[in-house]
N, C-alpha and C. Protein backbone atom coordinates (compact mmCIF):
# COMPACT_ATOMS: atom_id res chain seq x y z
N MET A 1 -55.99 23.91 -66.53
CA MET A 1 -56.70 23.76 -67.77
C MET A 1 -55.80 24.30 -68.87
N VAL A 2 -55.78 23.61 -69.98
CA VAL A 2 -54.96 23.99 -71.11
C VAL A 2 -55.79 24.84 -72.06
N SER A 3 -55.19 25.88 -72.59
CA SER A 3 -55.88 26.74 -73.54
C SER A 3 -56.19 25.99 -74.82
N ALA A 4 -57.35 26.25 -75.38
CA ALA A 4 -57.73 25.61 -76.65
C ALA A 4 -56.82 26.04 -77.77
N SER A 5 -56.41 27.28 -77.75
CA SER A 5 -55.58 27.80 -78.83
C SER A 5 -54.10 27.64 -78.54
N GLY A 6 -53.76 27.43 -77.26
CA GLY A 6 -52.37 27.34 -76.87
C GLY A 6 -51.67 28.68 -76.91
N GLY A 7 -52.42 29.75 -77.14
CA GLY A 7 -51.84 31.08 -77.28
C GLY A 7 -51.65 31.78 -75.95
N THR A 8 -51.22 33.02 -76.04
CA THR A 8 -51.01 33.85 -74.88
C THR A 8 -52.34 34.37 -74.38
N PRO A 9 -52.54 34.40 -73.05
CA PRO A 9 -53.80 34.94 -72.54
C PRO A 9 -53.96 36.41 -72.91
N ALA A 10 -55.20 36.84 -73.05
CA ALA A 10 -55.48 38.22 -73.43
C ALA A 10 -55.09 39.19 -72.33
N VAL A 11 -55.10 38.74 -71.09
CA VAL A 11 -54.76 39.60 -69.96
C VAL A 11 -53.48 39.05 -69.33
N PRO A 12 -52.45 39.90 -69.12
CA PRO A 12 -51.21 39.41 -68.52
C PRO A 12 -51.47 38.79 -67.16
N MET A 13 -50.77 37.70 -66.88
CA MET A 13 -50.97 37.00 -65.62
C MET A 13 -49.77 37.13 -64.68
N ALA A 14 -48.57 37.37 -65.20
CA ALA A 14 -47.37 37.44 -64.36
C ALA A 14 -47.39 38.71 -63.52
N PRO A 15 -47.16 38.60 -62.21
CA PRO A 15 -47.22 39.77 -61.33
C PRO A 15 -45.98 40.65 -61.46
N ASP A 16 -46.13 41.90 -61.02
CA ASP A 16 -45.00 42.84 -60.98
C ASP A 16 -43.96 42.43 -59.94
N GLN A 17 -44.40 41.86 -58.83
CA GLN A 17 -43.48 41.55 -57.74
C GLN A 17 -42.87 40.16 -57.91
N ALA A 18 -41.76 39.93 -57.24
CA ALA A 18 -41.08 38.63 -57.29
C ALA A 18 -41.94 37.57 -56.60
N VAL A 19 -41.84 36.37 -57.08
CA VAL A 19 -42.61 35.25 -56.54
C VAL A 19 -41.77 34.54 -55.48
N THR A 20 -42.37 34.32 -54.31
CA THR A 20 -41.69 33.64 -53.21
C THR A 20 -42.10 32.17 -53.17
N ASP A 21 -41.44 31.41 -52.32
CA ASP A 21 -41.81 30.00 -52.14
C ASP A 21 -43.25 29.89 -51.63
N GLY A 22 -43.65 30.82 -50.76
CA GLY A 22 -45.03 30.82 -50.27
C GLY A 22 -46.02 31.09 -51.38
N ASP A 23 -45.65 31.97 -52.31
CA ASP A 23 -46.51 32.26 -53.46
C ASP A 23 -46.66 31.02 -54.34
N ALA A 24 -45.56 30.30 -54.53
CA ALA A 24 -45.61 29.08 -55.34
C ALA A 24 -46.51 28.05 -54.66
N ALA A 25 -46.44 27.96 -53.34
CA ALA A 25 -47.32 27.04 -52.61
C ALA A 25 -48.78 27.48 -52.77
N ASP A 26 -49.03 28.78 -52.76
CA ASP A 26 -50.39 29.28 -52.95
C ASP A 26 -50.90 28.96 -54.35
N ALA A 27 -50.02 29.02 -55.35
CA ALA A 27 -50.41 28.66 -56.72
C ALA A 27 -50.76 27.18 -56.79
N ARG A 28 -49.98 26.34 -56.11
CA ARG A 28 -50.31 24.90 -56.08
C ARG A 28 -51.64 24.69 -55.36
N GLY A 29 -51.90 25.48 -54.32
CA GLY A 29 -53.19 25.40 -53.62
C GLY A 29 -54.35 25.75 -54.55
N LEU A 30 -54.16 26.77 -55.39
CA LEU A 30 -55.20 27.12 -56.37
C LEU A 30 -55.44 25.95 -57.32
N ARG A 31 -54.36 25.33 -57.77
CA ARG A 31 -54.51 24.16 -58.65
C ARG A 31 -55.36 23.09 -57.97
N GLU A 32 -55.09 22.83 -56.69
CA GLU A 32 -55.84 21.80 -55.97
C GLU A 32 -57.28 22.22 -55.72
N THR A 33 -57.56 23.50 -55.67
CA THR A 33 -58.93 23.99 -55.56
C THR A 33 -59.66 23.81 -56.88
N LEU A 34 -58.97 24.08 -57.98
CA LEU A 34 -59.60 24.00 -59.30
C LEU A 34 -59.83 22.56 -59.76
N ARG A 35 -59.03 21.63 -59.27
CA ARG A 35 -59.15 20.23 -59.71
C ARG A 35 -60.56 19.67 -59.47
N PRO A 36 -61.10 19.71 -58.24
CA PRO A 36 -62.45 19.15 -58.04
C PRO A 36 -63.54 19.98 -58.73
N LEU A 37 -63.31 21.28 -58.88
CA LEU A 37 -64.30 22.11 -59.57
C LEU A 37 -64.34 21.75 -61.07
N THR A 38 -63.18 21.46 -61.62
CA THR A 38 -63.13 21.06 -63.03
C THR A 38 -63.79 19.70 -63.22
N ARG A 39 -63.50 18.77 -62.32
CA ARG A 39 -64.15 17.45 -62.41
C ARG A 39 -65.67 17.58 -62.31
N ALA A 40 -66.13 18.42 -61.40
CA ALA A 40 -67.57 18.61 -61.24
C ALA A 40 -68.18 19.20 -62.52
N ALA A 41 -67.49 20.15 -63.13
CA ALA A 41 -67.99 20.74 -64.37
C ALA A 41 -68.00 19.70 -65.50
N LEU A 42 -66.94 18.90 -65.59
CA LEU A 42 -66.86 17.89 -66.65
C LEU A 42 -67.95 16.82 -66.51
N HIS A 43 -68.18 16.40 -65.27
CA HIS A 43 -69.14 15.31 -65.01
C HIS A 43 -70.53 15.81 -64.66
N ARG A 44 -70.69 17.14 -64.66
CA ARG A 44 -71.98 17.76 -64.34
C ARG A 44 -72.54 17.26 -63.01
N THR A 45 -71.65 17.30 -62.01
CA THR A 45 -72.02 16.90 -60.65
C THR A 45 -71.86 18.12 -59.73
N PRO A 46 -72.45 18.07 -58.54
CA PRO A 46 -72.31 19.21 -57.62
C PRO A 46 -70.85 19.46 -57.25
N ALA A 47 -70.50 20.72 -57.14
CA ALA A 47 -69.14 21.10 -56.78
C ALA A 47 -68.96 21.03 -55.26
N SER A 48 -67.74 20.79 -54.85
CA SER A 48 -67.38 20.73 -53.44
C SER A 48 -67.58 22.11 -52.80
N ALA A 49 -68.22 22.14 -51.65
CA ALA A 49 -68.46 23.41 -50.96
C ALA A 49 -67.15 24.07 -50.55
N TRP A 50 -66.18 23.29 -50.07
CA TRP A 50 -64.91 23.89 -49.65
C TRP A 50 -64.17 24.49 -50.84
N ALA A 51 -64.24 23.82 -52.00
CA ALA A 51 -63.56 24.34 -53.19
C ALA A 51 -64.22 25.64 -53.66
N LEU A 52 -65.54 25.70 -53.59
CA LEU A 52 -66.23 26.93 -53.96
C LEU A 52 -65.86 28.07 -53.02
N ARG A 53 -65.80 27.78 -51.71
CA ARG A 53 -65.41 28.81 -50.74
C ARG A 53 -63.97 29.28 -50.99
N ASP A 54 -63.07 28.32 -51.25
CA ASP A 54 -61.68 28.70 -51.48
C ASP A 54 -61.54 29.49 -52.78
N LEU A 55 -62.28 29.12 -53.81
CA LEU A 55 -62.24 29.87 -55.05
C LEU A 55 -62.74 31.31 -54.81
N GLN A 56 -63.80 31.46 -54.04
CA GLN A 56 -64.30 32.80 -53.74
C GLN A 56 -63.26 33.61 -52.97
N ARG A 57 -62.60 32.98 -52.03
CA ARG A 57 -61.55 33.67 -51.25
C ARG A 57 -60.46 34.19 -52.19
N ARG A 58 -60.11 33.39 -53.15
CA ARG A 58 -59.08 33.79 -54.11
C ARG A 58 -59.59 34.89 -55.05
N LEU A 59 -60.84 34.79 -55.46
CA LEU A 59 -61.43 35.82 -56.32
C LEU A 59 -61.52 37.17 -55.61
N ASP A 60 -61.68 37.13 -54.30
CA ASP A 60 -61.76 38.37 -53.52
C ASP A 60 -60.46 39.17 -53.57
N ALA A 61 -59.36 38.53 -53.95
CA ALA A 61 -58.07 39.23 -54.07
C ALA A 61 -57.90 39.89 -55.43
N ASP A 62 -58.89 39.75 -56.30
CA ASP A 62 -58.79 40.33 -57.64
C ASP A 62 -58.80 41.86 -57.55
N VAL A 63 -58.12 42.48 -58.46
CA VAL A 63 -58.08 43.94 -58.54
C VAL A 63 -58.50 44.35 -59.94
N PRO A 64 -58.99 45.56 -60.10
CA PRO A 64 -59.36 46.02 -61.45
C PRO A 64 -58.13 46.03 -62.36
N LEU A 65 -58.38 45.86 -63.64
CA LEU A 65 -57.29 45.94 -64.61
C LEU A 65 -56.74 47.36 -64.63
N ARG A 66 -55.44 47.46 -64.83
CA ARG A 66 -54.77 48.75 -64.93
C ARG A 66 -54.25 48.91 -66.34
N VAL A 67 -54.20 50.13 -66.79
CA VAL A 67 -53.69 50.39 -68.13
C VAL A 67 -52.18 50.55 -68.07
N GLY A 68 -51.53 50.00 -69.07
CA GLY A 68 -50.10 50.13 -69.24
C GLY A 68 -49.85 50.49 -70.69
N ALA A 69 -48.62 50.40 -71.09
CA ALA A 69 -48.29 50.69 -72.49
C ALA A 69 -47.29 49.64 -72.99
N ARG A 70 -47.46 49.25 -74.22
CA ARG A 70 -46.54 48.33 -74.87
C ARG A 70 -46.30 48.86 -76.27
N ASP A 71 -45.06 49.17 -76.57
CA ASP A 71 -44.70 49.75 -77.87
C ASP A 71 -45.51 51.02 -78.16
N GLY A 72 -45.76 51.80 -77.10
CA GLY A 72 -46.48 53.05 -77.27
C GLY A 72 -47.98 52.91 -77.40
N ARG A 73 -48.49 51.69 -77.33
CA ARG A 73 -49.93 51.45 -77.44
C ARG A 73 -50.49 51.03 -76.09
N PRO A 74 -51.79 51.27 -75.87
CA PRO A 74 -52.39 50.84 -74.60
C PRO A 74 -52.31 49.32 -74.45
N ALA A 75 -52.06 48.89 -73.24
CA ALA A 75 -51.98 47.47 -72.93
C ALA A 75 -52.45 47.26 -71.50
N VAL A 76 -52.84 46.04 -71.18
CA VAL A 76 -53.21 45.71 -69.81
C VAL A 76 -51.93 45.54 -69.01
N ALA A 77 -51.84 46.25 -67.90
CA ALA A 77 -50.66 46.16 -67.03
C ALA A 77 -50.69 44.85 -66.26
N PRO A 78 -49.52 44.35 -65.90
CA PRO A 78 -49.47 43.13 -65.09
C PRO A 78 -50.13 43.36 -63.73
N PRO A 79 -50.61 42.31 -63.09
CA PRO A 79 -51.19 42.47 -61.75
C PRO A 79 -50.10 42.92 -60.77
N PRO A 80 -50.49 43.71 -59.77
CA PRO A 80 -49.49 44.27 -58.86
C PRO A 80 -48.91 43.25 -57.87
N THR A 81 -49.67 42.21 -57.54
CA THR A 81 -49.23 41.23 -56.55
C THR A 81 -49.47 39.82 -57.06
N VAL A 82 -48.84 38.87 -56.40
CA VAL A 82 -49.06 37.46 -56.75
C VAL A 82 -50.50 37.07 -56.46
N ALA A 83 -51.06 37.55 -55.36
CA ALA A 83 -52.46 37.22 -55.03
C ALA A 83 -53.39 37.73 -56.13
N ALA A 84 -53.12 38.91 -56.66
CA ALA A 84 -53.94 39.45 -57.75
C ALA A 84 -53.75 38.62 -59.02
N ALA A 85 -52.52 38.17 -59.27
CA ALA A 85 -52.26 37.32 -60.44
C ALA A 85 -53.02 36.00 -60.32
N LEU A 86 -52.98 35.40 -59.14
CA LEU A 86 -53.70 34.14 -58.94
C LEU A 86 -55.21 34.37 -59.02
N ALA A 87 -55.67 35.55 -58.59
CA ALA A 87 -57.09 35.87 -58.71
C ALA A 87 -57.49 35.94 -60.19
N ARG A 88 -56.60 36.44 -61.03
CA ARG A 88 -56.90 36.48 -62.47
C ARG A 88 -57.00 35.07 -63.03
N VAL A 89 -56.12 34.19 -62.58
CA VAL A 89 -56.19 32.79 -63.01
C VAL A 89 -57.50 32.18 -62.54
N ALA A 90 -57.86 32.43 -61.27
CA ALA A 90 -59.11 31.89 -60.72
C ALA A 90 -60.31 32.43 -61.49
N ARG A 91 -60.29 33.72 -61.83
CA ARG A 91 -61.39 34.31 -62.58
C ARG A 91 -61.51 33.67 -63.96
N GLN A 92 -60.38 33.49 -64.64
CA GLN A 92 -60.42 32.88 -65.97
C GLN A 92 -60.92 31.44 -65.88
N ALA A 93 -60.49 30.70 -64.86
CA ALA A 93 -60.95 29.33 -64.69
C ALA A 93 -62.46 29.29 -64.45
N LEU A 94 -62.95 30.18 -63.59
CA LEU A 94 -64.39 30.23 -63.32
C LEU A 94 -65.17 30.56 -64.59
N GLU A 95 -64.66 31.48 -65.38
CA GLU A 95 -65.33 31.82 -66.63
C GLU A 95 -65.40 30.62 -67.57
N HIS A 96 -64.35 29.81 -67.59
CA HIS A 96 -64.35 28.60 -68.43
C HIS A 96 -65.28 27.52 -67.86
N LEU A 97 -65.26 27.36 -66.54
CA LEU A 97 -66.03 26.29 -65.91
C LEU A 97 -67.52 26.59 -65.83
N ALA A 98 -67.87 27.86 -65.71
CA ALA A 98 -69.27 28.21 -65.47
C ALA A 98 -69.87 29.08 -66.56
N GLY A 99 -69.09 29.51 -67.50
CA GLY A 99 -69.58 30.39 -68.55
C GLY A 99 -70.01 29.63 -69.78
N PRO A 100 -70.17 30.34 -70.88
CA PRO A 100 -70.64 29.72 -72.12
C PRO A 100 -69.70 28.64 -72.66
N GLU A 101 -68.42 28.69 -72.27
CA GLU A 101 -67.46 27.69 -72.75
C GLU A 101 -67.55 26.38 -72.00
N ALA A 102 -68.33 26.31 -70.93
CA ALA A 102 -68.39 25.09 -70.12
C ALA A 102 -68.77 23.87 -70.94
N GLY A 103 -69.60 24.05 -71.95
CA GLY A 103 -69.98 22.93 -72.80
C GLY A 103 -68.87 22.47 -73.71
N GLN A 104 -67.79 23.24 -73.80
CA GLN A 104 -66.65 22.87 -74.63
C GLN A 104 -65.53 22.22 -73.83
N LEU A 105 -65.76 21.98 -72.54
CA LEU A 105 -64.73 21.35 -71.72
C LEU A 105 -64.58 19.90 -72.12
N GLY A 106 -63.34 19.46 -72.16
CA GLY A 106 -63.05 18.06 -72.44
C GLY A 106 -62.03 17.54 -71.45
N ALA A 107 -61.99 16.23 -71.28
CA ALA A 107 -61.01 15.59 -70.41
C ALA A 107 -60.08 14.75 -71.27
N CYS A 108 -58.82 14.75 -70.93
CA CYS A 108 -57.83 13.99 -71.67
C CYS A 108 -58.21 12.51 -71.66
N ALA A 109 -58.07 11.86 -72.82
CA ALA A 109 -58.42 10.46 -72.96
C ALA A 109 -57.36 9.52 -72.39
N ALA A 110 -56.19 10.04 -72.06
CA ALA A 110 -55.13 9.20 -71.49
C ALA A 110 -55.51 8.79 -70.07
N ASP A 111 -55.37 7.51 -69.78
CA ASP A 111 -55.75 6.99 -68.46
C ASP A 111 -54.91 7.58 -67.33
N ASP A 112 -53.69 7.96 -67.62
CA ASP A 112 -52.78 8.45 -66.59
C ASP A 112 -52.69 9.97 -66.55
N CYS A 113 -53.68 10.65 -67.13
CA CYS A 113 -53.67 12.12 -67.16
C CYS A 113 -55.01 12.64 -66.64
N GLY A 114 -54.96 13.71 -65.91
CA GLY A 114 -56.18 14.30 -65.38
C GLY A 114 -56.44 15.70 -65.90
N MET A 115 -55.78 16.07 -67.00
CA MET A 115 -55.91 17.42 -67.52
C MET A 115 -57.25 17.62 -68.23
N ALA A 116 -57.70 18.86 -68.19
CA ALA A 116 -58.90 19.27 -68.90
C ALA A 116 -58.50 20.33 -69.92
N PHE A 117 -59.34 20.54 -70.91
CA PHE A 117 -59.03 21.51 -71.94
C PHE A 117 -60.31 22.00 -72.58
N LEU A 118 -60.21 23.11 -73.29
CA LEU A 118 -61.35 23.61 -74.06
C LEU A 118 -61.25 23.03 -75.47
N ASP A 119 -62.36 22.54 -75.96
CA ASP A 119 -62.39 21.89 -77.27
C ASP A 119 -63.56 22.45 -78.08
N PRO A 120 -63.39 23.65 -78.64
CA PRO A 120 -64.50 24.27 -79.36
C PRO A 120 -64.94 23.46 -80.58
N GLY A 121 -64.03 22.70 -81.18
CA GLY A 121 -64.37 21.91 -82.36
C GLY A 121 -65.00 20.57 -82.04
N GLY A 122 -64.86 20.12 -80.80
CA GLY A 122 -65.45 18.84 -80.39
C GLY A 122 -64.74 17.61 -80.91
N ARG A 123 -63.49 17.74 -81.37
CA ARG A 123 -62.79 16.59 -81.96
C ARG A 123 -61.53 16.20 -81.19
N ARG A 124 -61.18 16.95 -80.20
CA ARG A 124 -59.92 16.72 -79.49
C ARG A 124 -60.04 15.54 -78.55
N ARG A 125 -58.96 14.75 -78.40
CA ARG A 125 -58.96 13.60 -77.49
C ARG A 125 -58.02 13.78 -76.32
N TRP A 126 -56.92 14.48 -76.55
CA TRP A 126 -55.89 14.59 -75.52
C TRP A 126 -55.65 16.04 -75.14
N CYS A 127 -55.12 16.23 -73.94
CA CYS A 127 -54.79 17.59 -73.50
C CYS A 127 -53.69 18.17 -74.37
N ALA A 128 -52.73 17.35 -74.71
CA ALA A 128 -51.61 17.78 -75.55
C ALA A 128 -51.27 16.63 -76.50
N PRO A 129 -51.60 16.76 -77.77
CA PRO A 129 -51.32 15.67 -78.71
C PRO A 129 -49.85 15.26 -78.73
N GLU A 130 -48.96 16.24 -78.54
CA GLU A 130 -47.53 15.92 -78.57
C GLU A 130 -47.05 15.22 -77.31
N ARG A 131 -47.86 15.15 -76.27
CA ARG A 131 -47.48 14.45 -75.05
C ARG A 131 -48.38 13.23 -74.86
N CYS A 132 -49.60 13.45 -74.42
CA CYS A 132 -50.50 12.32 -74.15
C CYS A 132 -50.89 11.59 -75.44
N GLY A 133 -51.07 12.31 -76.51
CA GLY A 133 -51.44 11.68 -77.78
C GLY A 133 -50.35 10.76 -78.27
N VAL A 134 -49.11 11.22 -78.24
CA VAL A 134 -47.98 10.40 -78.69
C VAL A 134 -47.85 9.18 -77.79
N ARG A 135 -47.91 9.38 -76.48
CA ARG A 135 -47.79 8.23 -75.56
C ARG A 135 -48.88 7.20 -75.81
N SER A 136 -50.09 7.68 -76.05
CA SER A 136 -51.20 6.76 -76.30
C SER A 136 -51.01 5.99 -77.60
N ARG A 137 -50.57 6.68 -78.64
CA ARG A 137 -50.34 6.00 -79.92
C ARG A 137 -49.19 5.02 -79.84
N VAL A 138 -48.12 5.36 -79.12
CA VAL A 138 -46.99 4.44 -78.94
C VAL A 138 -47.44 3.22 -78.15
N ARG A 139 -48.23 3.43 -77.10
CA ARG A 139 -48.74 2.32 -76.30
C ARG A 139 -49.61 1.40 -77.16
N ALA A 140 -50.48 1.96 -77.98
CA ALA A 140 -51.34 1.15 -78.86
C ALA A 140 -50.51 0.39 -79.88
N HIS A 141 -49.47 1.03 -80.43
CA HIS A 141 -48.59 0.36 -81.40
C HIS A 141 -47.88 -0.82 -80.75
N ARG A 142 -47.35 -0.62 -79.55
CA ARG A 142 -46.67 -1.72 -78.85
C ARG A 142 -47.62 -2.86 -78.53
N ASP A 143 -48.84 -2.54 -78.14
CA ASP A 143 -49.84 -3.58 -77.87
C ASP A 143 -50.14 -4.39 -79.14
N ARG A 144 -50.29 -3.69 -80.26
CA ARG A 144 -50.55 -4.39 -81.54
C ARG A 144 -49.36 -5.26 -81.93
N ALA A 145 -48.14 -4.76 -81.73
CA ALA A 145 -46.93 -5.51 -82.06
C ALA A 145 -46.83 -6.76 -81.20
N ARG A 146 -47.13 -6.63 -79.92
CA ARG A 146 -47.08 -7.80 -79.02
C ARG A 146 -48.14 -8.82 -79.42
N ALA A 147 -49.33 -8.34 -79.77
CA ALA A 147 -50.40 -9.25 -80.17
C ALA A 147 -50.05 -9.98 -81.47
N ALA A 148 -49.35 -9.31 -82.38
CA ALA A 148 -48.97 -9.93 -83.66
C ALA A 148 -47.88 -10.98 -83.45
N GLN A 149 -47.08 -10.86 -82.41
CA GLN A 149 -46.01 -11.82 -82.16
C GLN A 149 -46.52 -13.11 -81.54
N ARG A 150 -47.72 -13.11 -81.05
CA ARG A 150 -48.27 -14.31 -80.38
C ARG A 150 -48.78 -15.31 -81.35
């Protein structure tokens, strides 16, 4: 899911420890767990039982936030492990999918994109205007140009 503001998350997500190939595979697994849950939230249909179980398994790895310091001021410390970092991602996704922001979820209008995003203003069409939006506008322009040549 793409952030509505495109800004930095309020809570650090990068773990203290190095990321292994297995960790990267686990992150891809989380993405595949969130995909059907996001579709279910967007279409207001029942969520997959296996995806809910897997999301809970990942949430169980969450740890309490720790205090750190940045420029001498209090800050949220990074998660200690990759599993804890992925649990933070899972928690944030669940808050978006099931919390008050769920009504602001949108799906990219591009036929070849499956991204979802938060749209508090209710006017957004694409996950990323500079990617899907540009491709869509270029495609529409080419279609109009071809139609004018006939």
